[in-house]
Amino acid sequence: RGRGGRSGRRGRAAPPGGDGGEAGEDRRADARSIALDAVCATLEEGAPLDAALAATQLSELKPQRRKFARKLATETLRKLAAVDRAILRAGVKVPNGGRGRLANIIRLGAVQLLVLDTPEYAAVNETTALATRQGFASSKSLVWKAVKTIAERRSELLASMEADGHEDDLPDWLSTALADAYGEASGELQASLQSAPCLDISVRAGEPVTEWAAKLGGKVLAGNTVRLRAGAGDVRVMPGFEQGAWWVQGAAAASAAPLALVNAPRSVIDLCAAPGGKTMQLACALANTGAGTESDETAVRVTAIDSSARRARLLRRNLERLKIEDRVRVKVCDARVKVC
């Protein structure tokens, strides 16, 4: 659960003052501001986290800061209920009943201390600086005191979170659905949802699956799927990514494409296609089972449809990386409301 740092890592946090922030980091695109934007969009507007992050300047950050921003946003949402209980136990009063940007700034500070093992001085000072950058300079003392209080009671709060387990970490609608469907086994499922997932990739047909598993430190599951450890890092700098030897795709998602090809279709439509795992899998598979002529093998046989122009651009980049963009027709439209 990332509960380290209970001793020997607690630096002295200075009182609020100055802008703070990571050295050399653009104030318009700093990691904590990006995480805050994504969390607010998800909690207040109902946006999916991936879409919320895509709408920020995440891509402008250096890899290490990009990883931190994504993890901070992800863990804030994943551990929301547990962190809110910890904040309450610390006696911290969150503004506006827990709603709005200022409340989420305090949550980010708490997550850094209780989940990400961020040193105290960084969590306290940078969260206070974030409040200032976000237009809450008049509330920076409140933010500093709130996060400082959580830091001082860190060990006690971590122990309480550990004792609580995962029972109340999921939204009521989801925990109820799991309990109804799986009974006592739902407890294990809830716990698994609170852990960082492993990273699955699909190795391109013709590439040596076992060799790529060894190079990337993963294990072969079934077919061309390789599972890497959780937190494996930025896939863009991993061997084989740029040359299109593999792509990111969950093991469950990878099982769908072979089913679509059972009856040897001439063409396939992939709805909600971005970022393109199944699209790439289908395009490669159909090319390998061409009707026999050169023109058939290079014909456009997959149509990928997504309602988001931004996500469609990501899909096109992935197709270009694999050099199969000529085999896929990408359309941007909402298939629920019109024929694409």
C-alpha atoms as a PDB file:
ATOM      1  CA  ARG A   1       0.000   0.000   0.000  1.00  0.00           C
ATOM      2  CA  GLY A   2       3.020   2.309  -0.180  1.00  0.00           C
ATOM      3  CA  ARG A   3       3.069   2.813   3.556  1.00  0.00           C
ATOM      4  CA  GLY A   4       6.753   3.463   3.949  1.00  0.00           C
ATOM      5  CA  GLY A   5       8.323   6.555   5.369  1.00  0.00           C
ATOM      6  CA  ARG A   6       7.117   6.108   8.924  1.00  0.00           C
ATOM      7  CA  SER A   7      10.478   7.089  10.311  1.00  0.00           C
ATOM      8  CA  GLY A   8      13.597   8.853   9.175  1.00  0.00           C
ATOM      9  CA  ARG A   9      11.941  10.677   6.264  1.00  0.00           C
ATOM     10  CA  ARG A  10      10.019  13.417   7.907  1.00  0.00           C
ATOM     11  CA  GLY A  11      11.656  16.698   6.995  1.00  0.00           C
ATOM     12  CA  ARG A  12      10.752  20.006   8.568  1.00  0.00           C
ATOM     13  CA  ALA A  13       7.963  21.691   6.659  1.00  0.00           C
ATOM     14  CA  ALA A  14       8.325  25.437   6.358  1.00  0.00           C
ATOM     15  CA  PRO A  15       5.368  27.719   6.983  1.00  0.00           C
ATOM     16  CA  PRO A  16       3.457  28.806   3.899  1.00  0.00           C
ATOM     17  CA  GLY A  17       5.156  31.374   1.768  1.00  0.00           C
ATOM     18  CA  GLY A  18       6.475  31.677  -1.772  1.00  0.00           C
ATOM     19  CA  ASP A  19       5.271  29.814  -4.790  1.00  0.00           C
ATOM     20  CA  GLY A  20       7.179  26.573  -4.265  1.00  0.00           C
ATOM     21  CA  GLY A  21       6.941  23.889  -6.947  1.00  0.00           C
ATOM     22  CA  GLU A  22       9.406  21.578  -8.635  1.00  0.00           C
ATOM     23  CA  ALA A  23      12.564  23.247  -9.839  1.00  0.00           C
ATOM     24  CA  GLY A  24      12.494  24.034 -13.538  1.00  0.00           C
ATOM     25  CA  GLU A  25       8.887  22.941 -13.980  1.00  0.00           C
ATOM     26  CA  ASP A  26       6.572  25.095 -16.072  1.00  0.00           C
ATOM     27  CA  ARG A  27       3.919  26.606 -13.790  1.00  0.00           C
ATOM     28  CA  ARG A  28       1.330  26.076 -16.516  1.00  0.00           C
ATOM     29  CA  ALA A  29       2.125  22.373 -16.716  1.00  0.00           C
ATOM     30  CA  ASP A  30       3.350  21.244 -13.301  1.00  0.00           C
ATOM     31  CA  ALA A  31       2.591  17.701 -12.177  1.00  0.00           C
ATOM     32  CA  ARG A  32       0.404  18.558  -9.183  1.00  0.00           C
ATOM     33  CA  SER A  33      -1.737  21.045 -11.127  1.00  0.00           C
ATOM     34  CA  ILE A  34      -2.307  18.473 -13.856  1.00  0.00           C
ATOM     35  CA  ALA A  35      -3.278  15.830 -11.295  1.00  0.00           C
ATOM     36  CA  LEU A  36      -5.666  18.324  -9.689  1.00  0.00           C
ATOM     37  CA  ASP A  37      -7.308  19.175 -13.019  1.00  0.00           C
ATOM     38  CA  ALA A  38      -7.833  15.480 -13.764  1.00  0.00           C
ATOM     39  CA  VAL A  39      -9.246  14.695 -10.309  1.00  0.00           C
ATOM     40  CA  CYS A  40     -11.644  17.656 -10.461  1.00  0.00           C
ATOM     41  CA  ALA A  41     -12.827  16.720 -13.946  1.00  0.00           C
ATOM     42  CA  THR A  42     -13.467  13.150 -12.826  1.00  0.00           C
ATOM     43  CA  LEU A  43     -15.200  13.925  -9.528  1.00  0.00           C
ATOM     44  CA  GLU A  44     -17.140  17.013 -10.575  1.00  0.00           C
ATOM     45  CA  GLU A  45     -17.871  16.409 -14.258  1.00  0.00           C
ATOM     46  CA  GLY A  46     -17.907  12.614 -14.377  1.00  0.00           C
ATOM     47  CA  ALA A  47     -15.110  12.456 -16.957  1.00  0.00           C
ATOM     48  CA  PRO A  48     -13.183   9.170 -17.291  1.00  0.00           C
ATOM     49  CA  LEU A  49      -9.711   9.608 -15.811  1.00  0.00           C
ATOM     50  CA  ASP A  50      -7.895   8.843 -19.067  1.00  0.00           C
ATOM     51  CA  ALA A  51      -9.959  11.453 -20.897  1.00  0.00           C
ATOM     52  CA  ALA A  52      -9.437  13.947 -18.065  1.00  0.00           C
ATOM     53  CA  LEU A  53      -5.656  13.476 -18.193  1.00  0.00           C
ATOM     54  CA  ALA A  54      -5.631  13.669 -21.993  1.00  0.00           C
ATOM     55  CA  ALA A  55      -7.268  17.100 -21.756  1.00  0.00           C
ATOM     56  CA  THR A  56      -4.366  18.425 -19.643  1.00  0.00           C
ATOM     57  CA  GLN A  57      -0.754  19.249 -20.504  1.00  0.00           C
ATOM     58  CA  LEU A  58       0.420  15.881 -19.195  1.00  0.00           C
ATOM     59  CA  SER A  59       2.365  15.099 -22.372  1.00  0.00           C
ATOM     60  CA  GLU A  60       4.487  18.240 -21.884  1.00  0.00           C
ATOM     61  CA  LEU A  61       6.021  16.940 -18.655  1.00  0.00           C
ATOM     62  CA  LYS A  62       9.278  15.042 -18.454  1.00  0.00           C
ATOM     63  CA  PRO A  63       8.736  11.262 -18.095  1.00  0.00           C
ATOM     64  CA  GLN A  64       9.354  11.138 -14.335  1.00  0.00           C
ATOM     65  CA  ARG A  65       7.016  14.059 -13.630  1.00  0.00           C
ATOM     66  CA  ARG A  66       4.428  12.655 -16.045  1.00  0.00           C
ATOM     67  CA  LYS A  67       4.478   9.367 -14.150  1.00  0.00           C
ATOM     68  CA  PHE A  68       4.062  11.198 -10.836  1.00  0.00           C
ATOM     69  CA  ALA A  69       1.124  13.267 -12.103  1.00  0.00           C
ATOM     70  CA  ARG A  70      -0.702  10.209 -13.413  1.00  0.00           C
ATOM     71  CA  LYS A  71      -0.048   8.217 -10.251  1.00  0.00           C
ATOM     72  CA  LEU A  72      -1.146  11.067  -7.981  1.00  0.00           C
ATOM     73  CA  ALA A  73      -4.440  11.445  -9.853  1.00  0.00           C
ATOM     74  CA  THR A  74      -5.021   7.696 -10.066  1.00  0.00           C
ATOM     75  CA  GLU A  75      -4.324   6.983  -6.401  1.00  0.00           C
ATOM     76  CA  THR A  76      -6.416   9.941  -5.259  1.00  0.00           C
ATOM     77  CA  LEU A  77      -9.428   8.444  -7.008  1.00  0.00           C
ATOM     78  CA  ARG A  78      -8.618   4.837  -6.137  1.00  0.00           C
ATOM     79  CA  LYS A  79      -8.146   5.570  -2.435  1.00  0.00           C
ATOM     80  CA  LEU A  80     -10.689   8.401  -2.195  1.00  0.00           C
ATOM     81  CA  ALA A  81     -12.882   6.878   0.509  1.00  0.00           C
ATOM     82  CA  ALA A  82      -9.947   5.697   2.629  1.00  0.00           C
ATOM     83  CA  VAL A  83      -8.160   9.044   2.383  1.00  0.00           C
ATOM     84  CA  ASP A  84     -11.322  10.977   3.225  1.00  0.00           C
ATOM     85  CA  ARG A  85     -11.731   8.848   6.368  1.00  0.00           C
ATOM     86  CA  ALA A  86      -8.115   9.533   7.311  1.00  0.00           C
ATOM     87  CA  ILE A  87      -8.583  13.280   6.828  1.00  0.00           C
ATOM     88  CA  LEU A  88     -11.648  13.140   9.080  1.00  0.00           C
ATOM     89  CA  ARG A  89      -9.752  11.168  11.739  1.00  0.00           C
ATOM     90  CA  ALA A  90      -7.005  13.765  11.686  1.00  0.00           C
ATOM     91  CA  GLY A  91      -9.572  16.381  12.675  1.00  0.00           C
ATOM     92  CA  VAL A  92      -9.071  18.298   9.442  1.00  0.00           C
ATOM     93  CA  LYS A  93     -12.092  20.226   8.209  1.00  0.00           C
ATOM     94  CA  VAL A  94     -12.247  20.049   4.435  1.00  0.00           C
ATOM     95  CA  PRO A  95     -13.755  23.171   2.806  1.00  0.00           C
ATOM     96  CA  ASN A  96     -17.144  23.128   1.095  1.00  0.00           C
ATOM     97  CA  GLY A  97     -18.112  19.710   2.407  1.00  0.00           C
ATOM     98  CA  GLY A  98     -15.392  17.981   0.387  1.00  0.00           C
ATOM     99  CA  ARG A  99     -16.442  19.467  -2.944  1.00  0.00           C
ATOM    100  CA  GLY A 100     -14.439  21.737  -5.234  1.00  0.00           C
ATOM    101  CA  ARG A 101     -10.815  22.423  -6.075  1.00  0.00           C
ATOM    102  CA  LEU A 102      -9.681  23.528  -2.633  1.00  0.00           C
ATOM    103  CA  ALA A 103     -10.960  20.313  -1.038  1.00  0.00           C
ATOM    104  CA  ASN A 104      -9.230  18.290  -3.759  1.00  0.00           C
ATOM    105  CA  ILE A 105      -5.958  20.138  -3.159  1.00  0.00           C
ATOM    106  CA  ILE A 106      -6.029  18.929   0.448  1.00  0.00           C
ATOM    107  CA  ARG A 107      -6.826  15.407  -0.769  1.00  0.00           C
ATOM    108  CA  LEU A 108      -3.779  15.493  -3.050  1.00  0.00           C
ATOM    109  CA  GLY A 109      -1.637  16.472  -0.078  1.00  0.00           C
ATOM    110  CA  ALA A 110      -3.059  13.620   1.991  1.00  0.00           C
ATOM    111  CA  VAL A 111      -2.519  11.090  -0.797  1.00  0.00           C
ATOM    112  CA  GLN A 112       1.116  12.119  -1.153  1.00  0.00           C
ATOM    113  CA  LEU A 113       1.656  11.455   2.550  1.00  0.00           C
ATOM    114  CA  LEU A 114      -0.508   8.371   3.067  1.00  0.00           C
ATOM    115  CA  VAL A 115      -0.242   6.535  -0.247  1.00  0.00           C
ATOM    116  CA  LEU A 116       2.719   7.747  -2.314  1.00  0.00           C
ATOM    117  CA  ASP A 117       5.280   7.990   0.512  1.00  0.00           C
ATOM    118  CA  THR A 118       6.199  11.566  -0.421  1.00  0.00           C
ATOM    119  CA  PRO A 119       8.551  13.196   2.126  1.00  0.00           C
ATOM    120  CA  GLU A 120       6.729  15.497   4.528  1.00  0.00           C
ATOM    121  CA  TYR A 121       8.420  18.733   3.514  1.00  0.00           C
ATOM    122  CA  ALA A 122       7.595  18.152  -0.168  1.00  0.00           C
ATOM    123  CA  ALA A 123       3.986  17.154   0.449  1.00  0.00           C
ATOM    124  CA  VAL A 124       3.272  20.058   2.796  1.00  0.00           C
ATOM    125  CA  ASN A 125       5.128  22.823   0.983  1.00  0.00           C
ATOM    126  CA  GLU A 126       4.229  21.803  -2.566  1.00  0.00           C
ATOM    127  CA  THR A 127       0.553  21.353  -1.727  1.00  0.00           C
ATOM    128  CA  THR A 128       0.516  24.809  -0.162  1.00  0.00           C
ATOM    129  CA  ALA A 129       2.236  26.218  -3.250  1.00  0.00           C
ATOM    130  CA  LEU A 130      -0.322  24.457  -5.427  1.00  0.00           C
ATOM    131  CA  ALA A 131      -3.112  26.256  -3.562  1.00  0.00           C
ATOM    132  CA  THR A 132      -1.424  29.579  -4.319  1.00  0.00           C
ATOM    133  CA  ARG A 133      -0.986  28.735  -8.008  1.00  0.00           C
ATOM    134  CA  GLN A 134      -4.644  27.749  -8.207  1.00  0.00           C
ATOM    135  CA  GLY A 135      -5.844  31.112  -6.939  1.00  0.00           C
ATOM    136  CA  PHE A 136      -6.320  30.186  -3.266  1.00  0.00           C
ATOM    137  CA  ALA A 137      -3.585  32.359  -1.798  1.00  0.00           C
ATOM    138  CA  SER A 138      -5.963  33.558   0.897  1.00  0.00           C
ATOM    139  CA  SER A 139      -6.454  29.922   1.982  1.00  0.00           C
ATOM    140  CA  LYS A 140      -2.819  28.807   1.908  1.00  0.00           C
ATOM    141  CA  SER A 141      -2.550  28.863   5.705  1.00  0.00           C
ATOM    142  CA  LEU A 142      -5.592  26.597   5.905  1.00  0.00           C
ATOM    143  CA  VAL A 143      -4.058  24.186   3.378  1.00  0.00           C
ATOM    144  CA  TRP A 144      -0.660  24.233   5.101  1.00  0.00           C
ATOM    145  CA  LYS A 145      -2.225  23.502   8.493  1.00  0.00           C
ATOM    146  CA  ALA A 146      -4.426  20.712   7.103  1.00  0.00           C
ATOM    147  CA  VAL A 147      -1.619  18.859   5.339  1.00  0.00           C
ATOM    148  CA  LYS A 148       0.825  19.498   8.190  1.00  0.00           C
ATOM    149  CA  THR A 149      -1.657  17.984  10.651  1.00  0.00           C
ATOM    150  CA  ILE A 150      -1.978  14.880   8.485  1.00  0.00           C
ATOM    151  CA  ALA A 151       1.815  14.657   8.275  1.00  0.00           C
ATOM    152  CA  GLU A 152       2.183  14.831  12.064  1.00  0.00           C
ATOM    153  CA  ARG A 153      -0.352  12.009  12.521  1.00  0.00           C
ATOM    154  CA  ARG A 154       0.926  10.018   9.575  1.00  0.00           C
ATOM    155  CA  SER A 155       1.857   6.796  11.411  1.00  0.00           C
ATOM    156  CA  GLU A 156      -1.428   6.697  13.302  1.00  0.00           C
ATOM    157  CA  LEU A 157      -3.472   7.321  10.162  1.00  0.00           C
ATOM    158  CA  LEU A 158      -1.581   4.699   8.153  1.00  0.00           C
ATOM    159  CA  ALA A 159      -2.288   2.118  10.869  1.00  0.00           C
ATOM    160  CA  SER A 160      -5.989   2.998  10.812  1.00  0.00           C
ATOM    161  CA  MET A 161      -6.136   2.700   7.034  1.00  0.00           C
ATOM    162  CA  GLU A 162      -4.471  -0.701   7.231  1.00  0.00           C
ATOM    163  CA  ALA A 163      -6.936  -1.875   9.878  1.00  0.00           C
ATOM    164  CA  ASP A 164      -9.919  -0.680   7.831  1.00  0.00           C
ATOM    165  CA  GLY A 165      -9.061  -2.883   4.875  1.00  0.00           C
ATOM    166  CA  HIS A 166     -10.971  -2.263   1.654  1.00  0.00           C
ATOM    167  CA  GLU A 167     -14.566  -2.746   2.769  1.00  0.00           C
ATOM    168  CA  ASP A 168     -15.701   0.803   2.190  1.00  0.00           C
ATOM    169  CA  ASP A 169     -13.243   1.909  -0.483  1.00  0.00           C
ATOM    170  CA  LEU A 170     -15.556   1.421  -3.471  1.00  0.00           C
ATOM    171  CA  PRO A 171     -18.696   3.392  -4.351  1.00  0.00           C
ATOM    172  CA  ASP A 172     -21.840   1.860  -2.837  1.00  0.00           C
ATOM    173  CA  TRP A 173     -23.298   0.921  -6.236  1.00  0.00           C
ATOM    174  CA  LEU A 174     -20.179  -1.051  -7.176  1.00  0.00           C
ATOM    175  CA  SER A 175     -19.596  -2.792  -3.833  1.00  0.00           C
ATOM    176  CA  THR A 176     -23.286  -3.781  -3.727  1.00  0.00           C
ATOM    177  CA  ALA A 177     -23.148  -5.174  -7.259  1.00  0.00           C
ATOM    178  CA  LEU A 178     -20.010  -7.175  -6.460  1.00  0.00           C
ATOM    179  CA  ALA A 179     -21.513  -8.540  -3.242  1.00  0.00           C
ATOM    180  CA  ASP A 180     -24.695  -9.571  -5.027  1.00  0.00           C
ATOM    181  CA  ALA A 181     -22.786 -11.302  -7.798  1.00  0.00           C
ATOM    182  CA  TYR A 182     -19.915 -12.923  -5.877  1.00  0.00           C
ATOM    183  CA  GLY A 183     -20.971 -13.111  -2.222  1.00  0.00           C
ATOM    184  CA  GLU A 184     -18.066 -13.586   0.200  1.00  0.00           C
ATOM    185  CA  ALA A 185     -15.546 -13.612  -2.637  1.00  0.00           C
ATOM    186  CA  SER A 186     -16.376  -9.974  -3.360  1.00  0.00           C
ATOM    187  CA  GLY A 187     -13.990  -8.919  -0.578  1.00  0.00           C
ATOM    188  CA  GLU A 188     -11.001 -10.193  -2.525  1.00  0.00           C
ATOM    189  CA  LEU A 189     -12.257  -8.485  -5.670  1.00  0.00           C
ATOM    190  CA  GLN A 190     -12.611  -5.176  -3.855  1.00  0.00           C
ATOM    191  CA  ALA A 191      -9.071  -5.489  -2.529  1.00  0.00           C
ATOM    192  CA  SER A 192      -7.734  -6.196  -6.019  1.00  0.00           C
ATOM    193  CA  LEU A 193      -9.402  -3.038  -7.344  1.00  0.00           C
ATOM    194  CA  GLN A 194      -7.435  -0.992  -4.816  1.00  0.00           C
ATOM    195  CA  SER A 195      -4.090  -2.251  -6.107  1.00  0.00           C
ATOM    196  CA  ALA A 196      -2.184  -0.925  -9.098  1.00  0.00           C
ATOM    197  CA  PRO A 197      -2.922  -3.225 -12.063  1.00  0.00           C
ATOM    198  CA  CYS A 198      -0.292  -5.123 -13.984  1.00  0.00           C
ATOM    199  CA  LEU A 199       0.508  -3.965 -17.512  1.00  0.00           C
ATOM    200  CA  ASP A 200      -0.442  -6.330 -20.333  1.00  0.00           C
ATOM    201  CA  ILE A 201       0.891  -6.050 -23.866  1.00  0.00           C
ATOM    202  CA  SER A 202       0.119  -7.851 -27.129  1.00  0.00           C
ATOM    203  CA  VAL A 203       3.147  -8.922 -29.136  1.00  0.00           C
ATOM    204  CA  ARG A 204       2.752  -8.530 -32.871  1.00  0.00           C
ATOM    205  CA  ALA A 205       2.235 -11.714 -34.899  1.00  0.00           C
ATOM    206  CA  GLY A 206       5.581 -12.933 -36.206  1.00  0.00           C
ATOM    207  CA  GLU A 207       7.537 -11.428 -33.298  1.00  0.00           C
ATOM    208  CA  PRO A 208       9.113 -13.839 -30.761  1.00  0.00           C
ATOM    209  CA  VAL A 209       6.753 -13.659 -27.781  1.00  0.00           C
ATOM    210  CA  THR A 210       9.021 -15.397 -25.271  1.00  0.00           C
ATOM    211  CA  GLU A 211      11.995 -13.222 -26.240  1.00  0.00           C
ATOM    212  CA  TRP A 212       9.995 -10.031 -25.745  1.00  0.00           C
ATOM    213  CA  ALA A 213       8.731 -11.325 -22.399  1.00  0.00           C
ATOM    214  CA  ALA A 214      12.332 -11.868 -21.308  1.00  0.00           C
ATOM    215  CA  LYS A 215      13.501  -8.467 -22.586  1.00  0.00           C
ATOM    216  CA  LEU A 216      10.691  -6.641 -20.804  1.00  0.00           C
ATOM    217  CA  GLY A 217      10.808  -8.667 -17.595  1.00  0.00           C
ATOM    218  CA  GLY A 218       7.317 -10.108 -18.054  1.00  0.00           C
ATOM    219  CA  LYS A 219       5.655 -13.493 -18.401  1.00  0.00           C
ATOM    220  CA  VAL A 220       3.685 -14.999 -21.271  1.00  0.00           C
ATOM    221  CA  LEU A 221       0.021 -15.518 -20.444  1.00  0.00           C
ATOM    222  CA  ALA A 222      -1.860 -16.883 -23.441  1.00  0.00           C
ATOM    223  CA  GLY A 223      -1.337 -16.425 -27.147  1.00  0.00           C
ATOM    224  CA  ASN A 224       0.644 -13.236 -27.772  1.00  0.00           C
ATOM    225  CA  THR A 225      -0.141 -11.600 -24.419  1.00  0.00           C
ATOM    226  CA  VAL A 226       2.713 -10.738 -22.043  1.00  0.00           C
ATOM    227  CA  ARG A 227       2.079  -9.436 -18.526  1.00  0.00           C
ATOM    228  CA  LEU A 228       4.515  -6.918 -17.024  1.00  0.00           C
ATOM    229  CA  ARG A 229       4.659  -5.966 -13.373  1.00  0.00           C
ATOM    230  CA  ALA A 230       2.584  -3.114 -11.985  1.00  0.00           C
ATOM    231  CA  GLY A 231       4.386   0.210 -12.335  1.00  0.00           C
ATOM    232  CA  ALA A 232       6.607  -1.130 -15.098  1.00  0.00           C
ATOM    233  CA  GLY A 233       7.288   2.413 -16.284  1.00  0.00           C
ATOM    234  CA  ASP A 234       6.747   4.546 -19.351  1.00  0.00           C
ATOM    235  CA  VAL A 235       6.010   2.187 -22.239  1.00  0.00           C
ATOM    236  CA  ARG A 236       7.273   4.733 -24.750  1.00  0.00           C
ATOM    237  CA  VAL A 237      10.885   4.189 -23.682  1.00  0.00           C
ATOM    238  CA  MET A 238      10.688   0.383 -23.497  1.00  0.00           C
ATOM    239  CA  PRO A 239      12.434  -1.780 -26.108  1.00  0.00           C
ATOM    240  CA  GLY A 240      10.227  -2.649 -29.052  1.00  0.00           C
ATOM    241  CA  PHE A 241       7.610   0.057 -28.560  1.00  0.00           C
ATOM    242  CA  GLU A 242       8.759   2.562 -31.173  1.00  0.00           C
ATOM    243  CA  GLN A 243       9.383  -0.117 -33.792  1.00  0.00           C
ATOM    244  CA  GLY A 244       5.863  -1.474 -33.316  1.00  0.00           C
ATOM    245  CA  ALA A 245       6.820  -4.923 -32.020  1.00  0.00           C
ATOM    246  CA  TRP A 246       3.996  -4.768 -29.460  1.00  0.00           C
ATOM    247  CA  TRP A 247       1.277  -2.549 -28.072  1.00  0.00           C
ATOM    248  CA  VAL A 248      -0.475  -2.104 -24.737  1.00  0.00           C
ATOM    249  CA  GLN A 249      -3.617  -4.242 -24.473  1.00  0.00           C
ATOM    250  CA  GLY A 250      -5.244  -5.962 -21.519  1.00  0.00           C
ATOM    251  CA  ALA A 251      -5.420  -9.749 -21.573  1.00  0.00           C
ATOM    252  CA  ALA A 252      -9.227  -9.669 -21.438  1.00  0.00           C
ATOM    253  CA  ALA A 253      -9.430  -7.192 -24.327  1.00  0.00           C
ATOM    254  CA  ALA A 254      -7.044  -9.320 -26.377  1.00  0.00           C
ATOM    255  CA  SER A 255      -9.477 -12.249 -26.213  1.00  0.00           C
ATOM    256  CA  ALA A 256     -12.199 -10.369 -28.114  1.00  0.00           C
ATOM    257  CA  ALA A 257     -10.524 -10.002 -31.519  1.00  0.00           C
ATOM    258  CA  PRO A 258     -10.025 -13.744 -32.165  1.00  0.00           C
ATOM    259  CA  LEU A 259     -13.740 -14.270 -31.486  1.00  0.00           C
ATOM    260  CA  ALA A 260     -14.612 -11.627 -34.078  1.00  0.00           C
ATOM    261  CA  LEU A 261     -12.528 -13.510 -36.647  1.00  0.00           C
ATOM    262  CA  VAL A 262     -14.065 -16.955 -36.124  1.00  0.00           C
ATOM    263  CA  ASN A 263     -16.194 -16.749 -39.265  1.00  0.00           C
ATOM    264  CA  ALA A 264     -13.396 -15.241 -41.381  1.00  0.00           C
ATOM    265  CA  PRO A 265     -15.042 -11.859 -42.009  1.00  0.00           C
ATOM    266  CA  ARG A 266     -13.956  -9.713 -44.927  1.00  0.00           C
ATOM    267  CA  SER A 267     -14.071  -6.599 -42.736  1.00  0.00           C
ATOM    268  CA  VAL A 268     -14.635  -5.583 -39.120  1.00  0.00           C
ATOM    269  CA  ILE A 269     -15.938  -2.420 -37.427  1.00  0.00           C
ATOM    270  CA  ASP A 270     -14.411  -1.547 -34.025  1.00  0.00           C
ATOM    271  CA  LEU A 271     -16.574   0.868 -31.999  1.00  0.00           C
ATOM    272  CA  CYS A 272     -15.094   3.023 -29.204  1.00  0.00           C
ATOM    273  CA  ALA A 273     -11.800   2.022 -30.770  1.00  0.00           C
ATOM    274  CA  ALA A 274      -9.203   4.360 -29.260  1.00  0.00           C
ATOM    275  CA  PRO A 275      -6.465   3.964 -28.198  1.00  0.00           C
ATOM    276  CA  GLY A 276      -6.582   1.055 -30.616  1.00  0.00           C
ATOM    277  CA  GLY A 277      -5.508  -2.229 -29.033  1.00  0.00           C
ATOM    278  CA  LYS A 278      -8.223  -4.326 -30.676  1.00  0.00           C
ATOM    279  CA  THR A 279      -8.025  -2.285 -33.879  1.00  0.00           C
ATOM    280  CA  MET A 280      -4.314  -3.054 -34.255  1.00  0.00           C
ATOM    281  CA  GLN A 281      -4.871  -6.690 -33.330  1.00  0.00           C
ATOM    282  CA  LEU A 282      -7.634  -7.016 -35.930  1.00  0.00           C
ATOM    283  CA  ALA A 283      -5.706  -5.201 -38.657  1.00  0.00           C
ATOM    284  CA  CYS A 284      -2.630  -7.383 -38.182  1.00  0.00           C
ATOM    285  CA  ALA A 285      -4.708 -10.574 -38.022  1.00  0.00           C
ATOM    286  CA  LEU A 286      -6.750  -9.772 -41.143  1.00  0.00           C
ATOM    287  CA  ALA A 287      -3.609  -8.899 -43.084  1.00  0.00           C
ATOM    288  CA  ASN A 288      -2.160 -12.298 -42.168  1.00  0.00           C
ATOM    289  CA  THR A 289      -5.306 -14.059 -43.431  1.00  0.00           C
ATOM    290  CA  GLY A 290      -5.723 -12.154 -46.699  1.00  0.00           C
ATOM    291  CA  ALA A 291      -7.875 -13.530 -49.469  1.00  0.00           C
ATOM    292  CA  GLY A 292      -4.828 -14.380 -51.540  1.00  0.00           C
ATOM    293  CA  THR A 293      -4.060 -11.400 -53.754  1.00  0.00           C
ATOM    294  CA  GLU A 294      -1.666  -8.610 -52.999  1.00  0.00           C
ATOM    295  CA  SER A 295      -4.485  -6.065 -53.228  1.00  0.00           C
ATOM    296  CA  ASP A 296      -6.537  -8.027 -50.677  1.00  0.00           C
ATOM    297  CA  GLU A 297      -3.664  -8.105 -48.204  1.00  0.00           C
ATOM    298  CA  THR A 298      -3.245  -4.325 -48.238  1.00  0.00           C
ATOM    299  CA  ALA A 299      -6.927  -3.404 -48.529  1.00  0.00           C
ATOM    300  CA  VAL A 300      -8.641  -1.412 -45.804  1.00  0.00           C
ATOM    301  CA  ARG A 301     -10.462  -4.109 -43.868  1.00  0.00           C
ATOM    302  CA  VAL A 302     -10.935  -2.542 -40.417  1.00  0.00           C
ATOM    303  CA  THR A 303     -13.009   0.544 -39.652  1.00  0.00           C
ATOM    304  CA  ALA A 304     -12.257   2.132 -36.279  1.00  0.00           C
ATOM    305  CA  ILE A 305     -14.835   4.533 -34.850  1.00  0.00           C
ATOM    306  CA  ASP A 306     -14.430   6.769 -31.811  1.00  0.00           C
ATOM    307  CA  SER A 307     -16.440   9.783 -30.664  1.00  0.00           C
ATOM    308  CA  SER A 308     -13.352  11.679 -29.444  1.00  0.00           C
ATOM    309  CA  ALA A 309     -11.161  13.481 -31.972  1.00  0.00           C
ATOM    310  CA  ARG A 310      -8.319  13.595 -29.456  1.00  0.00           C
ATOM    311  CA  ARG A 311      -8.461   9.848 -28.857  1.00  0.00           C
ATOM    312  CA  ALA A 312      -8.755   9.212 -32.580  1.00  0.00           C
ATOM    313  CA  ARG A 313      -5.481  11.108 -33.094  1.00  0.00           C
ATOM    314  CA  LEU A 314      -3.843   8.830 -30.525  1.00  0.00           C
ATOM    315  CA  LEU A 315      -5.230   5.827 -32.407  1.00  0.00           C
ATOM    316  CA  ARG A 316      -3.788   7.105 -35.694  1.00  0.00           C
ATOM    317  CA  ARG A 317      -0.365   7.612 -34.060  1.00  0.00           C
ATOM    318  CA  ASN A 318      -0.444   4.025 -32.804  1.00  0.00           C
ATOM    319  CA  LEU A 319      -1.351   2.738 -36.271  1.00  0.00           C
ATOM    320  CA  GLU A 320       1.500   4.748 -37.797  1.00  0.00           C
ATOM    321  CA  ARG A 321       3.914   3.326 -35.231  1.00  0.00           C
ATOM    322  CA  LEU A 322       2.984  -0.179 -36.376  1.00  0.00           C
ATOM    323  CA  LYS A 323       2.997   0.980 -40.026  1.00  0.00           C
ATOM    324  CA  ILE A 324      -0.527  -0.339 -40.596  1.00  0.00           C
ATOM    325  CA  GLU A 325      -2.332   2.989 -41.015  1.00  0.00           C
ATOM    326  CA  ASP A 326      -3.244   2.056 -44.607  1.00  0.00           C
ATOM    327  CA  ARG A 327      -5.191  -0.973 -43.375  1.00  0.00           C
ATOM    328  CA  VAL A 328      -7.536   0.934 -41.071  1.00  0.00           C
ATOM    329  CA  ARG A 329     -10.159   3.575 -41.807  1.00  0.00           C
ATOM    330  CA  VAL A 330     -10.505   5.859 -38.741  1.00  0.00           C
ATOM    331  CA  LYS A 331     -13.748   7.788 -38.286  1.00  0.00           C
ATOM    332  CA  VAL A 332     -14.679  10.302 -35.598  1.00  0.00           C
ATOM    333  CA  CYS A 333     -18.377  10.182 -34.778  1.00  0.00           C
ATOM    334  CA  ASP A 334     -20.841   9.065 -32.116  1.00  0.00           C
ATOM    335  CA  ALA A 335     -22.375   5.869 -33.440  1.00  0.00           C
ATOM    336  CA  ARG A 336     -25.154   6.128 -30.858  1.00  0.00           C
ATOM    337  CA  VAL A 337     -26.745   9.098 -32.584  1.00  0.00           C
ATOM    338  CA  LYS A 338     -25.944   8.706 -36.285  1.00  0.00           C
ATOM    339  CA  VAL A 339     -24.707   6.269 -38.872  1.00  0.00           C
ATOM    340  CA  CYS A 340     -20.974   6.792 -39.302  1.00  0.00           C
END
